[in-house]
Structure formats: structure tokens, C-alpha cells
Amino acid sequence: MDTTVDLDTFSSLVERPDDSARRAAEERWQEAGRPRGGLGKLEELGSWLSSVQGRSPVRPVSAPKVLLFAADHGVAALGVSRLPADGGTAARVRAVLDGSAPVARLAARYGAELRVVDVAVDADPADFPDEVVAHRIRRGSGRIDVEDALTPEETVRAFRAGMAVADEEADSGTDLVLLGDLGVGSTTVAAVLVGALCGTDAAAVCGRGSGIDDRVWMVKCATIRDSLRRARPVLGDQLALLGATGGADFAAITGFLLQAAVRRLPVVLDGVVSSACALVAQRIAFRSPEWWRAGQSSGEPAQAKAYDRLTLTPLQDQGITVGEGVGAVLALPLLQAAGDALADEAPRPFVPSAPKEQPKLPSAADLLRRL
């Protein structure tokens, strides 16, 4: 596939989180006279926060952001979801924006800002605020069982849009992203990507999504089967895979995850959509999963397979399948607690043994100029 995005660049730009800061956080806990493992998961999360922040003592999470990528998918017309294919995604976006959606209420409860990025909602862009549609690529996507979701040019634009959003969040001071999605039919698309990358058949990755019955499950499974046939020939090219059997939101989320790792911005994944994109991103930059945490297990088989490949353990098992970032937001209090509990436990601050000048982290624009 002819493209102007050099994915190989990410493999060299994405570094591992700071192991010295992680070790210092663990040593500080022991030096404070606390029993090892006394705070259980909070200790592990506190050490991870230290490593992604590159400092110890850990800095409490103070500027979390709920980030939702929204898009429609052509396969929704096949009836693979209980949600309406016509206008269902747009209605969900409006519910988030007016504050009536569960994720909006939870974000307000836990002190997180909320942002929606419409990359391919099948609605008039005038229906939403300018800042929501600023990165829109198109209206909806192709039916991936019979045609490509995006053109090659649209795939690149969507990927770049995700990179740009990562830069915007890093530059604005966001210190933790709670990543979610809004889109009818998106779990079908996610299952195709996970099934293709994990080499499994349709039945092994086909879940109940929005709560479908056995009849609709069979329709969904057949759709995934037909889409997998189109995905396998392009497995060696991640952008081609996202264009053939993904969508604008999947390409944008993948670009976002990779650029967030470049910018050292930690991310909490939500449901099967973000985990599928994370699996694609891992193929591009193998260190990138170290910058992410899995918010919760939704019960979707494709998500379980993705997390197994990513070696990520969900922080909670709430079985939330609605998407919208709800599972990621529910993990926020745990991360806030880890930062608060471990921030001031040590008798002394962490001092790097060999101070080094921090390199300037490249923005999306910087990366594109090198191409």
C-alpha cells in the first residue's frame, strides 16, 4: 500500500517507561516500613504511574481526560447490533454532549474532563459543535464484509488525526487518558481485527456486544467470517488492514495510542474496540503496551484474546459492554488512589543516579516532516 506514513518510525520513537523511577517507587514503599504487597494492586499501579511519569515520588493524577472517538460502521446495516443503525451513533454522541450519558455523569463524579472526537459519524456535521467535528474524515464507513471501510487516503488521514489528538492532549497538560468509543456495529469490526491478528475463526471472537440474541449472533458471526477473508491478505500492512476491515475510528485510535506512547502519555483502555486498536498498535511498536492499562474486562471474547496477546490484566471485571469509556472511567478512582496513597510515603525524594537531558518529544507534525 502506497502511504506517506512510515510506521517503522514508531518502533524507534516509542521507549519503555522509566524503570529507575519504578524501582525507586518500590524502594520508597519498603523504606517507609510498609509491608510489601500491603496495598495490593495500588502498589503496582503506583509503581506504573512513577515509571510513566519518569519520577518518584509519584505525582497524583490531577488532569485526567475521558476521550471518546465516534464513528458509524457499514456493517451495522446488517443488523448485528440491538442499537439502531440509522442515527444510533449520533444519538449516543448527543447524550454524551448533553451530560445524560452514564460516562458523562461518571466523568463529572470523578473529576475528569470529557472530549468527543467525531471522525466518521453518519450525521450532518452541523449537528455537533465545531470542536467535536474538527477531525472528521467522512460520514460512516464501508461494509467490511464486502468492501473496504476506507480508501487508503482516508485511512492515512484518520491515523494522522489520532496522532494530532494525542499531541493536543499532551500539550494541554492531560496526565491520563481514559479511552473509549461511540459507534453502532463497532464490536463486529473489533472482532474482525482481533480474529485476524490472533489467527482465530469467527466463532472464537464473536461476542454478544449490545446484548444480541442467538439469531443476531449468527448473523454477526457470519459477517465476521466474511470480513476475516478480506482481512487476512493484508495482515502484513497495518494501515491496509485498518482501511480494509477497520474504520476511521479504529485508524484514529491506533494513531492516537502510538503517538500518546511517543509523548509518554499514559492511557487506560476501555472495551473491545480500544483493545483491538491496541493490538494493531503493538504490531507497529512492540513497546507501546507498557504505556497502557486495561480498565476492565467486558466479557467479550475478542477483548480477552487481545489482552492475552498484549499481556495486560484488566483492573476490574465489571462486564460492562456499553463502551463509551465507562469501564475505563471506573478504573480512574483506583489510579487516583494509587497516586494519592504512594505520593508522600518515602522519607526522601528520588534522585536519578545519572541525570540526563530529556530529548524533545516529536509531535505529529515533526514526524510527518521526516517522511
Protein backbone atom coordinates (compact mmCIF):
# COMPACT_ATOMS: atom_id res chain seq x y z
CA MET A 1 0.00 0.00 0.00
CA ASP A 2 1.40 3.36 -1.03
CA THR A 3 1.31 5.61 2.02
CA THR A 4 3.00 8.70 3.39
CA VAL A 5 3.08 7.37 6.94
CA ASP A 6 6.24 5.49 7.87
CA LEU A 7 5.06 3.14 10.61
CA ASP A 8 8.61 1.91 11.26
CA THR A 9 9.37 5.28 12.84
CA PHE A 10 7.22 4.44 15.84
CA SER A 11 9.24 1.38 16.74
CA SER A 12 12.28 3.55 17.40
CA LEU A 13 10.45 6.52 18.93
CA VAL A 14 8.38 4.61 21.49
CA GLU A 15 10.61 3.99 24.50
CA ARG A 16 9.91 1.97 27.61
CA PRO A 17 8.68 3.78 30.73
CA ASP A 18 11.38 4.75 33.24
CA ASP A 19 12.45 1.59 35.10
CA SER A 20 14.61 3.56 37.52
CA ALA A 21 11.60 5.54 38.65
CA ARG A 22 9.61 2.34 39.03
CA ARG A 23 12.32 0.76 41.19
CA ALA A 24 12.63 3.92 43.26
CA ALA A 25 8.89 3.88 43.93
CA GLU A 26 9.09 0.28 45.12
CA GLU A 27 12.11 1.05 47.33
CA ARG A 28 10.39 4.07 48.85
CA TRP A 29 7.44 1.94 49.91
CA GLN A 30 9.71 -0.57 51.64
CA GLU A 31 11.84 2.12 53.27
CA ALA A 32 8.71 3.65 54.74
CA GLY A 33 8.27 0.49 56.80
CA ARG A 34 5.21 -0.73 54.94
CA PRO A 35 4.70 -4.46 54.32
CA ARG A 36 5.47 -5.47 50.77
CA GLY A 37 2.19 -6.01 48.96
CA GLY A 38 0.25 -4.37 51.76
CA LEU A 39 -1.68 -2.17 49.36
CA GLY A 40 -2.05 -4.89 46.76
CA LYS A 41 -2.90 -3.61 43.30
CA LEU A 42 -2.42 0.01 44.39
CA GLU A 43 1.32 -0.59 44.81
CA GLU A 44 1.64 -1.97 41.30
CA LEU A 45 -0.37 0.91 39.89
CA GLY A 46 1.66 3.44 41.87
CA SER A 47 4.90 1.99 40.52
CA TRP A 48 3.49 2.08 36.98
CA LEU A 49 2.49 5.72 37.41
CA SER A 50 6.02 6.52 38.60
CA SER A 51 7.50 4.81 35.55
CA VAL A 52 5.27 6.56 33.00
CA GLN A 53 5.76 9.91 34.76
CA GLY A 54 9.51 9.27 34.98
CA ARG A 55 9.65 10.42 38.61
CA SER A 56 9.42 9.31 42.21
CA PRO A 57 7.63 10.16 44.41
CA VAL A 58 4.69 9.64 42.11
CA ARG A 59 2.63 12.68 41.19
CA PRO A 60 -1.09 12.18 41.91
CA VAL A 61 -3.34 12.08 38.85
CA SER A 62 -4.67 15.62 38.56
CA ALA A 63 -5.73 16.14 34.93
CA PRO A 64 -7.48 13.00 33.61
CA LYS A 65 -9.37 13.19 30.33
CA VAL A 66 -12.12 10.91 29.02
CA LEU A 67 -11.54 10.70 25.26
CA LEU A 68 -14.20 9.16 23.02
CA PHE A 69 -13.73 8.54 19.29
CA ALA A 70 -17.07 8.33 17.46
CA ALA A 71 -17.87 6.73 14.10
CA ASP A 72 -20.50 4.72 12.25
CA HIS A 73 -19.85 1.39 10.55
CA GLY A 74 -21.40 -0.01 7.40
CA VAL A 75 -21.85 -3.50 8.89
CA ALA A 76 -24.45 -2.06 11.28
CA ALA A 77 -26.91 -2.15 8.36
CA LEU A 78 -26.83 -5.95 8.58
CA GLY A 79 -28.49 -5.83 11.98
CA VAL A 80 -25.50 -7.03 14.01
CA SER A 81 -26.45 -4.80 16.95
CA ARG A 82 -29.56 -4.13 19.01
CA LEU A 83 -28.86 -0.42 18.57
CA PRO A 84 -30.36 1.31 15.53
CA ALA A 85 -28.02 1.57 12.56
CA ASP A 86 -29.69 4.77 11.40
CA GLY A 87 -28.88 7.58 13.81
CA GLY A 88 -27.87 5.39 16.73
CA THR A 89 -24.31 6.69 16.98
CA ALA A 90 -25.36 10.31 16.58
CA ALA A 91 -27.88 9.89 19.41
CA ARG A 92 -25.16 8.49 21.67
CA VAL A 93 -22.88 11.40 20.85
CA ARG A 94 -25.63 13.87 21.72
CA ALA A 95 -26.28 12.08 25.03
CA VAL A 96 -22.61 12.42 25.95
CA LEU A 97 -22.50 16.07 24.98
CA ASP A 98 -25.66 16.99 26.91
CA GLY A 99 -24.42 15.14 30.00
CA SER A 100 -27.14 12.48 30.17
CA ALA A 101 -24.95 9.50 29.17
CA PRO A 102 -23.51 7.36 32.00
CA VAL A 103 -19.94 8.19 31.01
CA ALA A 104 -20.64 11.93 31.26
CA ARG A 105 -22.06 11.55 34.75
CA LEU A 106 -19.20 9.32 35.91
CA ALA A 107 -16.59 11.67 34.45
CA ALA A 108 -18.16 14.54 36.39
CA ARG A 109 -18.24 12.44 39.55
CA TYR A 110 -14.55 11.57 39.36
CA GLY A 111 -13.32 14.96 38.18
CA ALA A 112 -12.34 14.07 34.63
CA GLU A 113 -12.83 16.30 31.63
CA LEU A 114 -14.62 14.74 28.66
CA ARG A 115 -13.92 15.08 24.96
CA VAL A 116 -15.68 13.58 21.93
CA VAL A 117 -13.88 13.31 18.58
CA ASP A 118 -16.22 12.64 15.66
CA VAL A 119 -14.20 11.00 12.91
CA ALA A 120 -16.97 9.29 10.92
CA VAL A 121 -20.44 9.69 12.42
CA ASP A 122 -23.14 9.38 9.75
CA ALA A 123 -24.76 12.71 10.56
CA ASP A 124 -24.64 16.30 9.41
CA PRO A 125 -21.50 17.84 10.93
CA ALA A 126 -23.57 20.91 11.75
CA ASP A 127 -25.38 18.77 14.35
CA PHE A 128 -22.34 18.89 16.63
CA PRO A 129 -20.02 21.62 17.95
CA ASP A 130 -17.08 22.59 15.76
CA GLU A 131 -14.54 21.16 18.21
CA VAL A 132 -16.24 17.75 18.02
CA VAL A 133 -16.11 17.51 14.20
CA ALA A 134 -12.72 19.19 13.75
CA HIS A 135 -11.08 15.86 12.85
CA ARG A 136 -13.94 14.30 10.86
CA ILE A 137 -12.82 12.13 7.94
CA ARG A 138 -16.11 11.05 6.37
CA ARG A 139 -19.70 10.03 7.12
CA GLY A 140 -19.83 6.35 8.09
CA SER A 141 -17.68 3.62 6.55
CA GLY A 142 -17.90 0.82 4.02
CA ARG A 143 -19.44 -2.59 4.78
CA ILE A 144 -16.27 -4.50 5.59
CA ASP A 145 -17.66 -7.92 4.69
CA VAL A 146 -17.90 -6.87 1.01
CA GLU A 147 -15.87 -3.65 0.64
CA ASP A 148 -13.15 -1.57 2.27
CA ALA A 149 -14.12 0.60 5.20
CA LEU A 150 -11.93 3.47 3.97
CA THR A 151 -9.87 4.48 0.99
CA PRO A 152 -6.09 4.44 1.50
CA GLU A 153 -6.07 8.25 1.65
CA GLU A 154 -8.85 8.29 4.26
CA THR A 155 -7.02 5.69 6.33
CA VAL A 156 -3.91 7.84 6.46
CA ARG A 157 -5.94 10.94 7.31
CA ALA A 158 -7.70 9.12 10.15
CA PHE A 159 -4.42 7.77 11.50
CA ARG A 160 -2.91 11.25 11.40
CA ALA A 161 -5.99 12.68 13.10
CA GLY A 162 -5.44 10.33 16.03
CA MET A 163 -1.82 11.40 16.23
CA ALA A 164 -2.86 15.04 16.25
CA VAL A 165 -5.34 14.42 19.08
CA ALA A 166 -2.56 12.79 21.13
CA ASP A 167 -0.40 15.87 20.63
CA GLU A 168 -3.27 18.14 21.61
CA GLU A 169 -3.86 16.24 24.83
CA ALA A 170 -0.18 16.02 25.75
CA ASP A 171 0.32 19.73 25.06
CA SER A 172 -2.75 20.70 27.10
CA GLY A 173 -1.42 19.03 30.25
CA THR A 174 -3.59 15.90 30.32
CA ASP A 175 -1.79 13.38 32.54
CA LEU A 176 -4.01 10.31 32.00
CA VAL A 177 -6.36 9.41 29.14
CA LEU A 178 -9.41 7.22 29.69
CA LEU A 179 -10.02 5.95 26.16
CA GLY A 180 -13.41 4.93 24.80
CA ASP A 181 -15.52 4.78 21.66
CA LEU A 182 -19.01 5.54 20.35
CA GLY A 183 -20.27 3.56 17.38
CA VAL A 184 -23.01 1.11 16.40
CA GLY A 185 -21.52 -2.09 14.96
CA SER A 186 -18.05 -1.38 16.33
CA THR A 187 -17.73 -4.66 18.28
CA THR A 188 -18.15 -6.56 15.00
CA VAL A 189 -15.28 -4.61 13.45
CA ALA A 190 -13.14 -5.10 16.56
CA ALA A 191 -13.75 -8.85 16.46
CA VAL A 192 -12.57 -8.97 12.85
CA LEU A 193 -9.29 -7.21 13.66
CA VAL A 194 -8.61 -9.35 16.73
CA GLY A 195 -9.54 -12.55 14.90
CA ALA A 196 -7.25 -11.68 12.01
CA LEU A 197 -4.30 -10.72 14.21
CA CYS A 198 -4.73 -13.72 16.53
CA GLY A 199 -5.40 -16.23 13.76
CA THR A 200 -8.74 -17.41 15.11
CA ASP A 201 -12.06 -18.16 13.43
CA ALA A 202 -15.17 -16.02 13.68
CA ALA A 203 -16.93 -18.01 16.39
CA ALA A 204 -13.95 -17.60 18.75
CA VAL A 205 -14.16 -13.80 18.71
CA CYS A 206 -17.87 -13.17 18.16
CA GLY A 207 -19.44 -11.79 21.33
CA ARG A 208 -22.87 -10.56 22.34
CA GLY A 209 -21.96 -6.88 22.04
CA SER A 210 -25.08 -4.83 22.69
CA GLY A 211 -26.92 -7.82 24.12
CA ILE A 212 -27.90 -9.64 20.91
CA ASP A 213 -29.85 -12.90 20.86
CA ASP A 214 -28.79 -16.18 19.23
CA ARG A 215 -30.27 -15.32 15.82
CA VAL A 216 -28.44 -11.99 15.59
CA TRP A 217 -25.28 -13.62 16.97
CA MET A 218 -25.30 -15.98 13.96
CA VAL A 219 -25.67 -13.02 11.60
CA LYS A 220 -22.81 -11.26 13.36
CA CYS A 221 -20.64 -14.38 13.25
CA ALA A 222 -21.21 -14.79 9.50
CA THR A 223 -20.32 -11.13 8.98
CA ILE A 224 -17.08 -11.56 10.92
CA ARG A 225 -16.29 -14.72 8.93
CA ASP A 226 -16.72 -12.94 5.59
CA SER A 227 -14.72 -9.93 6.81
CA LEU A 228 -11.88 -12.15 8.02
CA ARG A 229 -11.48 -13.44 4.48
CA ARG A 230 -10.86 -9.86 3.38
CA ALA A 231 -8.53 -9.09 6.29
CA ARG A 232 -6.09 -11.98 6.01
CA PRO A 233 -4.48 -10.94 2.70
CA VAL A 234 -3.43 -7.56 4.17
CA LEU A 235 -2.21 -8.69 7.59
CA GLY A 236 1.33 -7.61 6.83
CA ASP A 237 0.33 -3.94 6.37
CA GLN A 238 -1.38 -2.46 9.42
CA LEU A 239 -2.68 0.61 7.60
CA ALA A 240 -4.11 -1.55 4.83
CA LEU A 241 -5.75 -3.75 7.46
CA LEU A 242 -7.35 -0.75 9.15
CA GLY A 243 -8.59 0.54 5.82
CA ALA A 244 -9.93 -2.79 4.59
CA THR A 245 -11.65 -4.10 7.72
CA GLY A 246 -11.43 -1.31 10.29
CA GLY A 247 -12.83 2.18 10.10
CA ALA A 248 -11.97 5.81 10.69
CA ASP A 249 -12.30 5.45 14.46
CA PHE A 250 -10.09 2.35 14.53
CA ALA A 251 -7.40 4.05 12.44
CA ALA A 252 -7.61 7.20 14.56
CA ILE A 253 -7.45 5.32 17.87
CA THR A 254 -4.44 3.33 16.65
CA GLY A 255 -2.66 6.53 15.64
CA PHE A 256 -3.61 8.09 18.96
CA LEU A 257 -2.26 5.19 21.01
CA LEU A 258 1.07 5.21 19.22
CA GLN A 259 1.61 8.96 19.38
CA ALA A 260 0.50 9.01 23.03
CA ALA A 261 3.24 6.47 23.74
CA VAL A 262 5.74 8.67 21.89
CA ARG A 263 4.63 11.63 24.01
CA ARG A 264 4.73 9.50 27.21
CA LEU A 265 1.05 10.00 27.88
CA PRO A 266 -0.44 7.02 29.76
CA VAL A 267 -3.75 5.55 28.59
CA VAL A 268 -6.42 3.37 30.20
CA LEU A 269 -8.16 1.14 27.65
CA ASP A 270 -11.89 0.51 27.84
CA GLY A 271 -13.68 -2.16 25.81
CA VAL A 272 -13.09 -4.45 22.86
CA VAL A 273 -12.66 -1.55 20.41
CA SER A 274 -9.72 0.08 22.19
CA SER A 275 -8.17 -3.34 22.86
CA ALA A 276 -8.38 -4.23 19.16
CA CYS A 277 -6.68 -0.95 18.23
CA ALA A 278 -4.05 -1.60 20.90
CA LEU A 279 -3.34 -4.97 19.28
CA VAL A 280 -2.79 -3.29 15.91
CA ALA A 281 -0.56 -0.66 17.56
CA GLN A 282 1.51 -3.36 19.25
CA ARG A 283 2.30 -4.79 15.82
CA ILE A 284 3.72 -1.39 14.87
CA ALA A 285 5.63 -0.59 18.10
CA PHE A 286 6.16 -3.55 20.44
CA ARG A 287 6.96 -1.39 23.50
CA SER A 288 3.75 0.63 23.29
CA PRO A 289 1.59 -1.60 25.58
CA GLU A 290 3.78 -0.63 28.53
CA TRP A 291 2.13 2.81 28.38
CA TRP A 292 -1.37 1.39 28.73
CA ARG A 293 -3.51 -0.27 31.38
CA ALA A 294 -6.66 -2.30 30.78
CA GLY A 295 -9.55 -0.67 32.60
CA GLN A 296 -11.91 -3.62 32.80
CA SER A 297 -12.99 -6.92 31.30
CA SER A 298 -16.20 -6.61 29.30
CA GLY A 299 -16.69 -10.32 28.79
CA GLU A 300 -16.22 -10.01 25.03
CA PRO A 301 -14.13 -12.98 23.78
CA ALA A 302 -12.21 -10.78 21.35
CA GLN A 303 -11.17 -8.47 24.17
CA ALA A 304 -9.89 -11.40 26.25
CA LYS A 305 -7.80 -12.64 23.32
CA ALA A 306 -6.41 -9.16 22.69
CA TYR A 307 -5.42 -8.64 26.32
CA ASP A 308 -3.76 -12.05 26.37
CA ARG A 309 -1.61 -11.06 23.39
CA LEU A 310 -0.90 -7.67 24.93
CA THR A 311 -0.11 -9.27 28.33
CA LEU A 312 -2.44 -6.77 30.01
CA THR A 313 -4.53 -7.74 33.03
CA PRO A 314 -7.84 -5.87 33.46
CA LEU A 315 -8.01 -3.80 36.63
CA GLN A 316 -11.66 -4.73 37.12
CA ASP A 317 -14.19 -7.27 35.89
CA GLN A 318 -17.47 -5.40 35.69
CA GLY A 319 -18.76 -6.96 32.46
CA ILE A 320 -19.62 -3.55 31.01
CA THR A 321 -20.28 -3.86 27.28
CA VAL A 322 -21.77 -0.45 26.53
CA GLY A 323 -18.41 1.01 25.51
CA GLU A 324 -18.37 4.81 25.79
CA GLY A 325 -15.32 4.65 28.06
CA VAL A 326 -17.40 3.64 31.09
CA GLY A 327 -15.08 0.77 32.04
CA ALA A 328 -12.01 2.97 31.73
CA VAL A 329 -13.60 5.70 33.86
CA LEU A 330 -14.41 3.19 36.61
CA ALA A 331 -10.68 2.42 36.83
CA LEU A 332 -9.86 6.09 37.44
CA PRO A 333 -10.51 6.00 41.23
CA LEU A 334 -8.03 3.13 41.54
CA LEU A 335 -5.33 5.10 39.75
CA GLN A 336 -6.13 8.23 41.71
CA ALA A 337 -5.93 6.21 44.93
CA ALA A 338 -2.58 4.74 43.90
CA GLY A 339 -1.17 8.19 43.21
CA ASP A 340 -2.57 9.67 46.41
CA ALA A 341 -1.57 6.80 48.69
CA LEU A 342 2.01 6.50 47.47
CA ALA A 343 2.86 10.10 46.67
CA ASP A 344 4.32 11.02 50.07
CA GLU A 345 5.27 7.70 51.61
CA ALA A 346 9.03 7.89 51.16
CA PRO A 347 11.46 9.58 53.54
CA ARG A 348 13.42 11.04 50.66
CA PRO A 349 12.80 12.08 47.06
CA PHE A 350 14.04 10.07 44.13
CA VAL A 351 17.31 11.39 42.70
CA PRO A 352 18.39 9.87 39.37
CA SER A 353 21.85 8.30 39.59
CA ALA A 354 22.86 9.79 36.27
CA PRO A 355 20.82 12.84 35.29
CA LYS A 356 20.32 13.08 31.58
CA GLU A 357 18.89 15.67 29.31
CA GLN A 358 15.39 14.73 28.23
CA PRO A 359 15.01 14.66 24.44
CA LYS A 360 12.39 16.83 22.82
CA LEU A 361 9.45 14.57 22.10
CA PRO A 362 8.39 14.78 18.44
CA SER A 363 4.89 15.95 17.60
CA ALA A 364 2.79 14.53 14.80
CA ALA A 365 3.88 17.44 12.61
CA ASP A 366 7.55 16.68 13.34
CA LEU A 367 7.05 13.05 12.34
CA LEU A 368 5.31 13.94 9.11
CA ARG A 369 8.06 16.37 8.09
CA ARG A 370 10.54 13.48 8.23
CA LEU A 371 8.58 11.43 5.76
